[in-house]
Protein backbone atom coordinates (compact mmCIF):
# COMPACT_ATOMS: atom_id res chain seq x y z
CA MET A 1 0.00 0.00 0.00
CA ASP A 2 1.20 3.52 -0.81
CA GLN A 3 2.62 5.18 2.31
CA ASN A 4 0.61 8.32 1.53
CA THR A 5 -2.68 6.42 1.90
CA GLN A 6 -1.69 5.39 5.43
CA LYS A 7 -1.22 8.92 6.71
CA PRO A 8 -3.95 10.59 8.82
CA VAL A 9 -6.65 12.30 6.77
CA SER A 10 -7.76 15.78 7.83
CA PRO A 11 -11.56 15.89 7.82
CA GLY A 12 -13.67 18.91 7.03
CA THR A 13 -11.48 20.66 4.47
CA SER A 14 -14.15 21.47 1.88
CA ASN A 15 -16.75 24.23 1.58
CA LEU A 16 -15.20 26.19 4.43
CA ALA A 17 -16.24 29.71 5.34
CA ASP A 18 -13.34 32.14 5.65
CA GLU A 19 -13.57 32.16 9.44
CA ASP A 20 -13.29 28.35 9.55
CA LEU A 21 -10.41 28.03 7.09
CA THR A 22 -7.62 28.92 9.51
CA GLN A 23 -8.77 26.34 12.06
CA ALA A 24 -9.04 23.68 9.38
CA VAL A 25 -5.48 24.33 8.18
CA LEU A 26 -4.19 24.26 11.76
CA ALA A 27 -5.85 20.88 12.25
CA THR A 28 -3.88 19.39 9.36
CA PHE A 29 -0.70 19.73 11.45
CA GLU A 30 -2.08 17.94 14.52
CA HIS A 31 -0.35 14.67 13.56
CA SER A 32 3.07 16.14 12.77
CA GLN A 33 6.06 13.90 13.43
CA SER A 34 7.68 16.59 15.60
CA GLU A 35 6.04 18.72 18.29
CA ARG A 36 8.38 21.58 17.44
CA PHE A 37 7.49 21.35 13.74
CA GLN A 38 3.81 21.42 14.66
CA GLN A 39 4.32 24.45 16.90
CA VAL A 40 6.25 26.40 14.26
CA MET A 41 3.92 25.58 11.36
CA GLN A 42 0.71 26.27 13.27
CA SER A 43 2.08 29.60 14.46
CA LEU A 44 3.15 30.44 10.90
CA VAL A 45 -0.33 29.64 9.57
CA ARG A 46 -2.00 31.80 12.23
CA HIS A 47 0.25 34.78 11.50
CA VAL A 48 0.11 34.50 7.70
CA HIS A 49 -3.68 34.20 7.72
CA ALA A 50 -3.96 37.11 10.15
CA PHE A 51 -1.65 39.19 7.95
CA ALA A 52 -3.72 38.50 4.82
CA GLU A 53 -6.90 39.47 6.67
CA GLU A 54 -5.40 42.58 8.26
CA VAL A 55 -4.19 44.10 4.98
CA GLU A 56 -7.08 42.60 2.94
CA LEU A 57 -4.57 41.09 0.54
CA THR A 58 -5.67 41.22 -3.09
CA GLU A 59 -5.10 38.40 -5.56
CA GLU A 60 -2.84 40.68 -7.61
CA GLU A 61 -0.71 41.37 -4.53
CA TRP A 62 -0.63 37.67 -3.71
CA PHE A 63 0.68 36.85 -7.20
CA LYS A 64 3.28 39.61 -6.92
CA GLY A 65 4.43 38.16 -3.61
CA ILE A 66 4.76 34.68 -5.13
CA ASP A 67 6.73 36.16 -8.04
CA PHE A 68 8.99 38.05 -5.62
CA LEU A 69 9.85 34.90 -3.67
CA THR A 70 10.32 32.90 -6.88
CA ARG A 71 12.82 35.43 -8.23
CA THR A 72 14.55 35.54 -4.85
CA GLY A 73 15.11 31.81 -5.18
CA HIS A 74 16.30 32.06 -8.78
CA ILE A 75 19.01 34.63 -8.00
CA THR A 76 20.28 32.66 -5.00
CA ASP A 77 23.24 30.34 -5.55
CA ASP A 78 26.30 29.08 -3.68
CA LYS A 79 27.90 32.53 -3.91
CA ARG A 80 24.94 34.78 -3.14
CA GLN A 81 22.12 34.22 -0.65
CA GLU A 82 19.26 36.56 -1.54
CA PHE A 83 17.00 34.97 1.09
CA VAL A 84 19.55 35.82 3.79
CA LEU A 85 19.69 39.37 2.43
CA LEU A 86 15.89 39.56 2.57
CA SER A 87 15.95 38.34 6.17
CA ASP A 88 18.63 40.93 6.93
CA ILE A 89 16.78 43.97 5.60
CA LEU A 90 13.55 42.91 7.35
CA GLY A 91 15.40 42.75 10.66
CA VAL A 92 14.62 39.05 11.07
CA SER A 93 18.28 38.02 11.07
CA MET A 94 19.15 40.28 14.00
CA LEU A 95 15.96 39.25 15.82
CA VAL A 96 16.86 35.55 15.55
CA ILE A 97 20.43 36.30 16.64
CA GLY A 98 19.10 38.12 19.69
CA LEU A 99 16.80 35.23 20.57
CA ASN A 100 19.47 32.57 20.19
CA GLN A 101 22.83 34.17 20.93
CA LYS A 102 22.46 34.83 24.63
CA LYS A 103 25.87 36.07 25.70
CA SER A 104 27.59 37.15 28.86
CA ALA A 105 28.17 40.87 29.24
CA LEU A 106 31.86 40.48 28.34
CA ALA A 107 31.51 38.35 25.20
CA THR A 108 31.91 39.95 21.78
CA ALA A 109 28.52 40.74 20.27
CA SER A 110 27.17 38.74 17.34
CA THR A 111 25.72 40.29 14.22
CA VAL A 112 24.40 39.25 10.80
CA PHE A 113 26.07 36.57 8.71
CA GLY A 114 25.43 38.36 5.43
CA PRO A 115 24.85 36.85 1.97
CA PHE A 116 28.47 36.51 0.78
CA PHE A 117 30.14 33.97 3.06
CA VAL A 118 31.81 31.16 1.09
CA GLU A 119 32.84 27.81 2.55
CA ASN A 120 36.43 26.60 2.15
CA SER A 121 38.07 29.99 1.75
CA PRO A 122 41.84 30.05 1.10
CA HIS A 123 44.15 29.27 4.02
CA PHE A 124 46.61 31.93 5.16
CA GLU A 125 49.26 32.16 7.82
CA ASN A 126 49.34 34.99 10.33
CA GLY A 127 50.87 38.06 8.71
CA ASP A 128 49.80 37.14 5.17
CA ASP A 129 47.92 39.49 2.86
CA ILE A 130 44.39 38.16 2.35
CA ALA A 131 43.50 41.12 0.10
CA ASN A 132 45.05 39.11 -2.73
CA GLY A 133 44.67 41.95 -5.20
CA ALA A 134 41.52 43.60 -3.80
CA SER A 135 41.47 47.32 -4.51
CA GLY A 136 41.85 49.59 -1.51
CA GLU A 137 44.30 51.15 0.92
CA PRO A 138 46.47 48.62 2.78
CA CYS A 139 45.42 47.84 6.32
CA PHE A 140 47.09 45.67 8.98
CA MET A 141 44.52 44.04 11.27
CA TYR A 142 45.52 42.30 14.46
CA GLY A 143 44.40 41.32 17.94
CA ARG A 144 43.75 38.34 20.17
CA VAL A 145 41.13 35.66 20.74
CA LEU A 146 40.38 35.26 24.44
CA SER A 147 37.83 33.72 26.75
CA THR A 148 35.56 36.00 28.73
CA LYS A 149 37.75 35.08 31.72
CA GLY A 150 40.79 36.52 29.96
CA ASP A 151 42.40 33.21 28.97
CA LEU A 152 44.26 33.24 25.65
CA ILE A 153 42.74 30.87 23.07
CA PRO A 154 45.24 29.32 20.65
CA GLY A 155 44.20 27.49 17.50
CA ALA A 156 40.92 29.34 16.94
CA HIS A 157 39.72 29.05 13.33
CA ILE A 158 39.14 32.59 12.02
CA ASP A 159 37.29 33.17 8.75
CA ILE A 160 37.53 36.71 7.35
CA TRP A 161 35.74 38.25 4.38
CA GLN A 162 35.17 41.80 3.18
CA ALA A 163 34.38 43.98 0.18
CA ASP A 164 36.93 45.98 -1.78
CA ASP A 165 36.96 49.78 -1.77
CA ASN A 166 34.35 49.79 -4.55
CA GLY A 167 31.92 47.94 -2.31
CA PHE A 168 32.09 44.58 -4.09
CA TYR A 169 32.88 41.14 -2.72
CA ASP A 170 34.90 38.85 -4.96
CA VAL A 171 31.90 36.60 -5.69
CA GLN A 172 29.97 39.55 -7.11
CA HIS A 173 32.33 39.70 -10.09
CA LYS A 174 30.72 37.19 -12.42
CA GLU A 175 33.42 37.60 -15.06
CA THR A 176 36.18 36.15 -12.86
CA SER A 177 36.68 33.41 -10.29
CA HIS A 178 39.59 35.25 -8.65
CA VAL A 179 39.30 35.05 -4.85
CA TYR A 180 40.17 38.19 -2.92
CA GLY A 181 39.38 39.81 0.40
CA ARG A 182 38.61 36.52 2.10
CA GLY A 183 40.45 33.69 3.77
CA HIS A 184 40.96 31.84 7.02
CA LEU A 185 43.78 31.52 9.52
CA SER A 186 44.29 30.39 13.11
CA SER A 187 45.19 32.23 16.28
CA ASP A 188 48.76 31.42 17.36
CA LYS A 189 49.89 29.82 20.63
CA GLU A 190 49.40 33.16 22.39
CA GLY A 191 45.90 33.61 20.98
CA LYS A 192 47.09 36.29 18.57
CA TYR A 193 46.02 36.82 14.97
CA CYS A 194 47.21 39.27 12.33
CA PHE A 195 46.84 39.78 8.61
CA TRP A 196 47.03 42.41 5.90
CA SER A 197 44.03 43.39 3.81
CA VAL A 198 42.46 46.69 2.75
CA ARG A 199 40.62 49.31 4.76
CA PRO A 200 36.87 48.65 4.46
CA GLU A 201 34.55 51.23 2.94
CA ALA A 202 30.81 51.77 3.21
CA TYR A 203 28.82 50.23 0.37
CA PRO A 204 25.25 49.56 -0.79
CA ILE A 205 23.87 46.05 -0.46
CA PRO A 206 23.11 44.44 -3.86
CA GLN A 207 20.35 46.30 -5.67
CA ASP A 208 20.19 44.13 -8.80
CA GLY A 209 17.72 41.63 -7.34
CA PRO A 210 14.33 41.42 -5.63
CA VAL A 211 15.66 42.78 -2.32
CA GLY A 212 16.92 45.88 -4.11
CA GLU A 213 13.46 46.34 -5.63
CA LEU A 214 11.92 46.11 -2.16
CA LEU A 215 14.24 48.79 -0.80
CA ASP A 216 13.46 51.05 -3.77
CA ALA A 217 9.73 50.61 -3.23
CA ALA A 218 10.16 51.53 0.44
CA ASN A 219 12.43 54.48 -0.42
CA ARG A 220 15.02 52.99 1.95
CA SER A 221 18.77 53.48 1.86
CA PRO A 222 20.74 50.38 0.81
CA MET A 223 23.93 51.53 2.57
CA ARG A 224 25.97 49.50 5.03
CA PRO A 225 28.72 51.09 7.13
CA ALA A 226 32.30 49.97 6.49
CA HIS A 227 33.05 46.64 8.15
CA VAL A 228 35.00 43.39 8.06
CA HIS A 229 33.29 40.03 8.66
CA PHE A 230 34.67 37.50 11.16
CA LEU A 231 33.59 33.94 11.93
CA ILE A 232 35.49 32.37 14.83
CA LYS A 233 35.20 28.73 15.89
CA VAL A 234 37.19 26.71 18.42
CA SER A 235 36.44 23.66 20.53
CA GLY A 236 35.05 24.41 23.98
CA TYR A 237 33.63 27.82 23.06
CA LYS A 238 30.51 29.18 21.42
CA PRO A 239 31.08 30.14 17.77
CA LEU A 240 31.09 33.83 16.97
CA ILE A 241 29.70 35.48 13.83
CA THR A 242 30.38 39.19 13.88
CA HIS A 243 31.72 42.32 12.16
CA VAL A 244 34.22 44.98 13.11
CA PHE A 245 32.92 48.39 12.04
CA LYS A 246 34.93 51.48 11.14
CA GLN A 247 34.62 54.31 13.63
CA ASP A 248 33.10 57.58 12.34
CA ASP A 249 31.44 55.92 9.36
CA PRO A 250 28.44 58.06 8.32
CA TYR A 251 26.13 55.03 8.08
CA LEU A 252 26.66 53.56 11.56
CA ASP A 253 23.22 54.79 12.66
CA SER A 254 21.40 53.77 9.49
CA ASP A 255 22.70 50.31 8.61
CA ALA A 256 20.37 48.74 6.03
CA VAL A 257 20.47 45.40 7.89
CA PHE A 258 20.36 46.73 11.48
CA GLY A 259 23.63 44.98 12.33
CA VAL A 260 25.66 47.64 14.16
CA ARG A 261 26.55 47.19 17.82
CA THR A 262 28.51 49.94 19.56
CA SER A 263 30.94 47.43 21.03
CA LEU A 264 31.94 46.34 17.52
CA ILE A 265 33.06 49.82 16.42
CA THR A 266 36.77 50.58 16.44
CA SER A 267 39.27 52.92 14.82
CA PHE A 268 41.19 52.28 11.63
CA GLU A 269 44.22 54.49 12.21
CA ARG A 270 46.09 56.07 9.31
CA HIS A 271 49.91 56.00 9.24
CA GLU A 272 52.40 57.66 6.97
CA PRO A 273 54.87 55.44 5.06
CA GLY A 274 57.20 53.66 7.44
CA MET A 275 57.44 50.60 9.65
CA ALA A 276 54.23 48.63 10.23
CA PRO A 277 53.52 46.76 13.51
CA ASP A 278 54.70 43.47 11.98
CA GLY A 279 58.05 44.97 10.93
CA LYS A 280 57.08 45.37 7.29
CA ARG A 281 58.33 48.62 5.74
CA MET A 282 55.55 50.39 3.87
CA ASN A 283 56.29 52.81 1.05
CA VAL A 284 52.72 54.12 0.99
CA PRO A 285 50.33 55.31 3.72
CA PHE A 286 48.60 52.45 5.51
CA TYR A 287 46.05 51.76 8.23
CA THR A 288 45.95 49.58 11.33
CA MET A 289 42.99 48.02 13.11
CA HIS A 290 43.27 46.33 16.50
CA TYR A 291 40.42 44.26 17.95
CA ASP A 292 40.28 41.51 20.59
CA PHE A 293 37.50 38.91 20.38
CA LEU A 294 36.09 37.45 23.61
CA LEU A 295 34.31 34.09 23.47
CA ASP A 296 31.84 32.53 25.87
CA PRO A 297 32.41 28.89 26.86
CA ALA A 298 30.23 26.31 25.11
CA ALA A 299 27.10 25.32 27.02
CA ASP A 300 28.58 21.98 28.11
CA GLU A 301 31.70 23.75 29.41
CA GLU A 302 29.87 26.19 31.68
């Protein structure tokens, strides 16, 4: 017998008045295999139905919404996540982070993941230049990875990615597969990390897709303040997804994805040509950024 014929049948799903429809749909999830799945789906149904009733959604608007989500899926691939971007600009990403990333007062704040993270980025050693040809002014970034108790954390896996000074990530250049402005390295035995890259600049989030259309329709700014992405993972500690933002950026108070936290803002100091902190002699002006990351212990370590 077909497995589908053995599943519970939901009675009373025909000839329903509008006021009975929501309850009938909710009833179809009563036999879900997971209580959590049932809870989430029934809540989703209640809120979506209530939304449609509240705004008196027209069929034309419904079709436009379906088309919007379809095109969001079509533009998404392994190098660009338009659904993540949609979640970001609606504030859902930061809301979920706030609900799930409960941190101690000392731990470095989390923020949005963003749509341009790529798995298996190139490996670099401390002191290397991860810019790898990205346009921009040279910047030496360094600091430590520590526990919230002040213990140095060696061997932390640190993923870094950022845009060039034109506001583009490497994966946005469809005409080339050249990787720049991203890579991963590990904190050394003293918990230190350091690398060269370029000073970040403010940039607009992608406007060539459905999310850009949504921002245009809302007359909203697409700008993000200058930042560098970090993802830090190490055994025994909670993973950290965060940014470091450039102090005095004009868009710190109007980030299109609501991701700024005051504790993540730091200075990118300009230096005239000369000796850099790692002993490298620079023939052009350069910048330095220092930031220490503090990690909470994993739940089973507390």
